[in-house]
């Protein structure tokens, strides 16, 4: 089930990431036609961009929530621990 651009914008991060994982699995299966592959690739790119946008928004919110110091707002980068 492929979603249009308007449908994608309504997805939260977890939903978009889950759908992106499904798209990747389908592409990696090698069991889709060229046309299906192109459509899935386009959807995957849109989903990846949406996920990045959601992460950027979350990072911005985290920075806004940090305390204000005597010299103005204090921001610090937020880094997730690397898996591995």
N, C-alpha and C. Protein backbone atom coordinates (compact mmCIF):
# COMPACT_ATOMS: atom_id res chain seq x y z
N UNK A 1 0.84 -1.18 0.00
CA UNK A 1 0.00 0.00 0.00
C UNK A 1 0.88 1.24 0.00
N UNK A 2 0.92 1.93 -1.12
CA UNK A 2 1.75 3.12 -1.24
C UNK A 2 0.93 4.34 -0.87
N UNK A 3 1.60 5.30 -0.26
CA UNK A 3 0.92 6.51 0.20
C UNK A 3 1.37 7.69 -0.63
N UNK A 4 0.47 8.63 -0.82
CA UNK A 4 0.81 9.85 -1.54
C UNK A 4 1.52 10.82 -0.62
N UNK A 5 2.09 11.90 -1.17
CA UNK A 5 2.83 12.87 -0.38
C UNK A 5 2.01 13.46 0.76
N UNK A 6 0.72 13.72 0.53
CA UNK A 6 -0.13 14.27 1.59
C UNK A 6 -0.30 13.29 2.74
N UNK A 7 -0.42 12.01 2.40
CA UNK A 7 -0.57 10.98 3.43
C UNK A 7 0.70 10.86 4.26
N UNK A 8 1.85 10.97 3.62
CA UNK A 8 3.12 10.83 4.33
C UNK A 8 3.30 11.92 5.37
N UNK A 9 2.89 13.15 5.06
CA UNK A 9 3.08 14.27 5.97
C UNK A 9 2.37 14.04 7.30
N UNK A 10 1.33 13.23 7.30
CA UNK A 10 0.58 12.98 8.53
C UNK A 10 1.23 11.91 9.41
N UNK A 11 2.22 11.21 8.89
CA UNK A 11 2.87 10.14 9.65
C UNK A 11 3.79 10.69 10.73
N UNK A 12 3.79 10.02 11.87
CA UNK A 12 4.77 10.33 12.90
C UNK A 12 6.09 9.64 12.55
N UNK A 13 7.12 9.92 13.34
CA UNK A 13 8.44 9.37 13.07
C UNK A 13 8.42 7.84 13.06
N UNK A 14 7.82 7.24 14.09
CA UNK A 14 7.85 5.78 14.20
C UNK A 14 7.10 5.12 13.05
N UNK A 15 5.96 5.70 12.67
CA UNK A 15 5.20 5.15 11.54
C UNK A 15 6.00 5.26 10.24
N UNK A 16 6.60 6.42 10.03
CA UNK A 16 7.38 6.63 8.81
C UNK A 16 8.58 5.69 8.76
N UNK A 17 9.25 5.51 9.88
CA UNK A 17 10.40 4.61 9.92
C UNK A 17 9.97 3.17 9.67
N UNK A 18 8.85 2.78 10.25
CA UNK A 18 8.34 1.43 10.02
C UNK A 18 8.01 1.19 8.56
N UNK A 19 7.36 2.17 7.94
CA UNK A 19 7.04 2.04 6.52
C UNK A 19 8.30 2.02 5.67
N UNK A 20 9.29 2.84 6.04
CA UNK A 20 10.56 2.85 5.31
C UNK A 20 11.23 1.48 5.39
N UNK A 21 11.18 0.85 6.54
CA UNK A 21 11.75 -0.49 6.68
C UNK A 21 11.03 -1.49 5.78
N UNK A 22 9.69 -1.37 5.68
CA UNK A 22 8.93 -2.25 4.79
C UNK A 22 9.35 -2.04 3.33
N UNK A 23 9.50 -0.79 2.95
CA UNK A 23 9.90 -0.46 1.58
C UNK A 23 11.26 -1.07 1.27
N UNK A 24 12.20 -0.92 2.19
CA UNK A 24 13.55 -1.46 1.98
C UNK A 24 13.49 -2.98 1.84
N UNK A 25 12.72 -3.64 2.69
CA UNK A 25 12.60 -5.10 2.60
C UNK A 25 12.04 -5.53 1.24
N UNK A 26 11.02 -4.81 0.77
CA UNK A 26 10.45 -5.16 -0.54
C UNK A 26 11.46 -4.97 -1.65
N UNK A 27 12.20 -3.86 -1.60
CA UNK A 27 13.21 -3.61 -2.64
C UNK A 27 14.30 -4.67 -2.59
N UNK A 28 14.73 -5.02 -1.39
CA UNK A 28 15.81 -6.01 -1.25
C UNK A 28 15.36 -7.41 -1.63
N UNK A 29 14.06 -7.67 -1.60
CA UNK A 29 13.57 -9.02 -1.92
C UNK A 29 13.81 -9.38 -3.38
N UNK A 30 13.87 -8.36 -4.24
CA UNK A 30 14.07 -8.61 -5.66
C UNK A 30 12.84 -9.18 -6.34
N UNK A 31 11.71 -9.18 -5.66
CA UNK A 31 10.49 -9.77 -6.21
C UNK A 31 9.50 -8.73 -6.71
N UNK A 32 9.98 -7.55 -7.05
CA UNK A 32 9.10 -6.50 -7.56
C UNK A 32 9.55 -6.11 -8.97
N UNK A 33 8.61 -5.64 -9.75
CA UNK A 33 8.93 -5.23 -11.11
C UNK A 33 9.74 -3.93 -11.09
N UNK A 34 10.25 -3.57 -12.25
CA UNK A 34 11.00 -2.33 -12.36
C UNK A 34 10.13 -1.14 -11.97
N UNK A 35 8.90 -1.10 -12.48
CA UNK A 35 7.99 0.01 -12.16
C UNK A 35 7.69 0.06 -10.66
N UNK A 36 7.44 -1.10 -10.06
CA UNK A 36 7.20 -1.14 -8.61
C UNK A 36 8.44 -0.69 -7.85
N UNK A 37 9.60 -1.10 -8.33
CA UNK A 37 10.85 -0.70 -7.68
C UNK A 37 11.02 0.81 -7.70
N UNK A 38 10.73 1.42 -8.85
CA UNK A 38 10.85 2.88 -8.95
C UNK A 38 9.87 3.58 -8.02
N UNK A 39 8.64 3.09 -7.97
CA UNK A 39 7.64 3.69 -7.08
C UNK A 39 8.05 3.53 -5.62
N UNK A 40 8.55 2.35 -5.27
CA UNK A 40 9.01 2.12 -3.89
C UNK A 40 10.21 2.99 -3.56
N UNK A 41 11.12 3.13 -4.51
CA UNK A 41 12.29 3.97 -4.29
C UNK A 41 11.87 5.41 -4.03
N UNK A 42 10.94 5.92 -4.84
CA UNK A 42 10.44 7.29 -4.63
C UNK A 42 9.81 7.44 -3.26
N UNK A 43 9.00 6.46 -2.88
CA UNK A 43 8.36 6.50 -1.56
C UNK A 43 9.41 6.45 -0.46
N UNK A 44 10.42 5.60 -0.65
CA UNK A 44 11.49 5.49 0.34
C UNK A 44 12.24 6.79 0.54
N UNK A 45 12.54 7.48 -0.56
CA UNK A 45 13.22 8.77 -0.47
C UNK A 45 12.35 9.76 0.30
N UNK A 46 11.06 9.80 -0.02
CA UNK A 46 10.15 10.72 0.68
C UNK A 46 10.08 10.38 2.17
N UNK A 47 10.04 9.10 2.49
CA UNK A 47 10.00 8.68 3.89
C UNK A 47 11.29 9.02 4.62
N UNK A 48 12.42 8.81 3.97
CA UNK A 48 13.71 9.14 4.60
C UNK A 48 13.80 10.63 4.89
N UNK A 49 13.34 11.45 3.95
CA UNK A 49 13.35 12.90 4.16
C UNK A 49 12.41 13.29 5.29
N UNK A 50 11.24 12.65 5.34
CA UNK A 50 10.30 12.93 6.42
C UNK A 50 10.90 12.56 7.77
N UNK A 51 11.54 11.40 7.85
CA UNK A 51 12.17 10.98 9.11
C UNK A 51 13.25 11.98 9.52
N UNK A 52 14.05 12.43 8.58
CA UNK A 52 15.10 13.40 8.90
C UNK A 52 14.48 14.70 9.39
N UNK A 53 13.40 15.13 8.75
CA UNK A 53 12.71 16.36 9.17
C UNK A 53 12.17 16.21 10.60
N UNK A 54 11.58 15.05 10.90
CA UNK A 54 11.06 14.80 12.26
C UNK A 54 12.20 14.82 13.28
N UNK A 55 13.34 14.23 12.93
CA UNK A 55 14.49 14.25 13.84
C UNK A 55 15.01 15.67 14.05
N UNK A 56 15.07 16.45 12.97
CA UNK A 56 15.52 17.84 13.08
C UNK A 56 14.57 18.64 13.97
N UNK A 57 13.26 18.40 13.84
CA UNK A 57 12.28 19.09 14.67
C UNK A 57 12.46 18.71 16.14
N UNK A 58 12.69 17.43 16.40
CA UNK A 58 12.90 16.97 17.78
C UNK A 58 14.15 17.60 18.37
N UNK A 59 15.21 17.67 17.58
CA UNK A 59 16.45 18.29 18.04
C UNK A 59 16.21 19.76 18.40
N UNK A 60 15.45 20.45 17.57
CA UNK A 60 15.13 21.85 17.84
C UNK A 60 14.34 22.01 19.13
N UNK A 61 13.40 21.12 19.37
CA UNK A 61 12.61 21.18 20.60
C UNK A 61 13.49 20.92 21.82
N UNK A 62 14.41 19.98 21.71
CA UNK A 62 15.31 19.69 22.83
C UNK A 62 16.15 20.91 23.15
N UNK A 63 16.67 21.56 22.12
CA UNK A 63 17.48 22.75 22.35
C UNK A 63 16.66 23.85 23.01
N UNK A 64 15.39 24.00 22.65
CA UNK A 64 14.54 25.03 23.24
C UNK A 64 14.23 24.73 24.70
N UNK A 65 14.23 23.48 25.08
CA UNK A 65 13.86 23.10 26.44
C UNK A 65 15.00 23.24 27.44
N UNK A 66 16.21 23.45 26.96
CA UNK A 66 17.34 23.58 27.87
C UNK A 66 17.25 24.89 28.65
N UNK A 67 17.86 24.93 29.82
CA UNK A 67 17.82 26.11 30.69
C UNK A 67 18.43 27.33 30.02
N UNK A 68 17.96 28.48 30.47
CA UNK A 68 18.52 29.75 30.03
C UNK A 68 19.55 30.17 31.07
N UNK A 69 20.79 30.37 30.62
CA UNK A 69 21.87 30.77 31.52
C UNK A 69 21.93 32.28 31.67
N UNK A 70 22.85 32.78 32.48
CA UNK A 70 22.96 34.22 32.70
C UNK A 70 23.30 34.99 31.43
N UNK A 71 23.89 34.33 30.47
CA UNK A 71 24.27 35.00 29.23
C UNK A 71 23.32 34.67 28.08
N UNK A 72 22.16 34.15 28.40
CA UNK A 72 21.19 33.83 27.37
C UNK A 72 20.93 32.34 27.30
N UNK A 73 20.21 31.94 26.28
CA UNK A 73 19.88 30.52 26.16
C UNK A 73 21.12 29.64 26.04
N UNK A 74 21.07 28.53 26.71
CA UNK A 74 22.16 27.56 26.66
C UNK A 74 21.67 26.38 25.83
N UNK A 75 22.37 26.09 24.77
CA UNK A 75 22.02 24.92 23.97
C UNK A 75 23.20 23.98 23.92
N UNK A 76 22.88 22.74 23.76
CA UNK A 76 23.92 21.72 23.65
C UNK A 76 23.44 20.69 22.64
N UNK A 77 24.32 20.14 21.87
CA UNK A 77 23.89 19.13 20.90
C UNK A 77 23.38 17.89 21.62
N UNK A 78 22.42 17.26 21.02
CA UNK A 78 21.86 16.03 21.56
C UNK A 78 22.32 14.89 20.67
N UNK A 79 23.01 13.93 21.25
CA UNK A 79 23.53 12.80 20.48
C UNK A 79 22.99 11.50 21.06
N UNK A 80 22.47 10.66 20.21
CA UNK A 80 22.06 9.33 20.63
C UNK A 80 23.28 8.42 20.68
N UNK A 81 23.31 7.50 21.62
CA UNK A 81 24.44 6.56 21.65
C UNK A 81 24.42 5.69 20.39
N UNK A 82 25.59 5.41 19.88
CA UNK A 82 25.70 4.57 18.68
C UNK A 82 25.53 3.12 19.05
N UNK A 83 24.80 2.42 18.20
CA UNK A 83 24.66 0.97 18.39
C UNK A 83 25.83 0.29 17.71
N UNK A 84 26.27 -0.78 18.28
CA UNK A 84 27.33 -1.44 17.56
C UNK A 84 28.10 -2.27 18.41
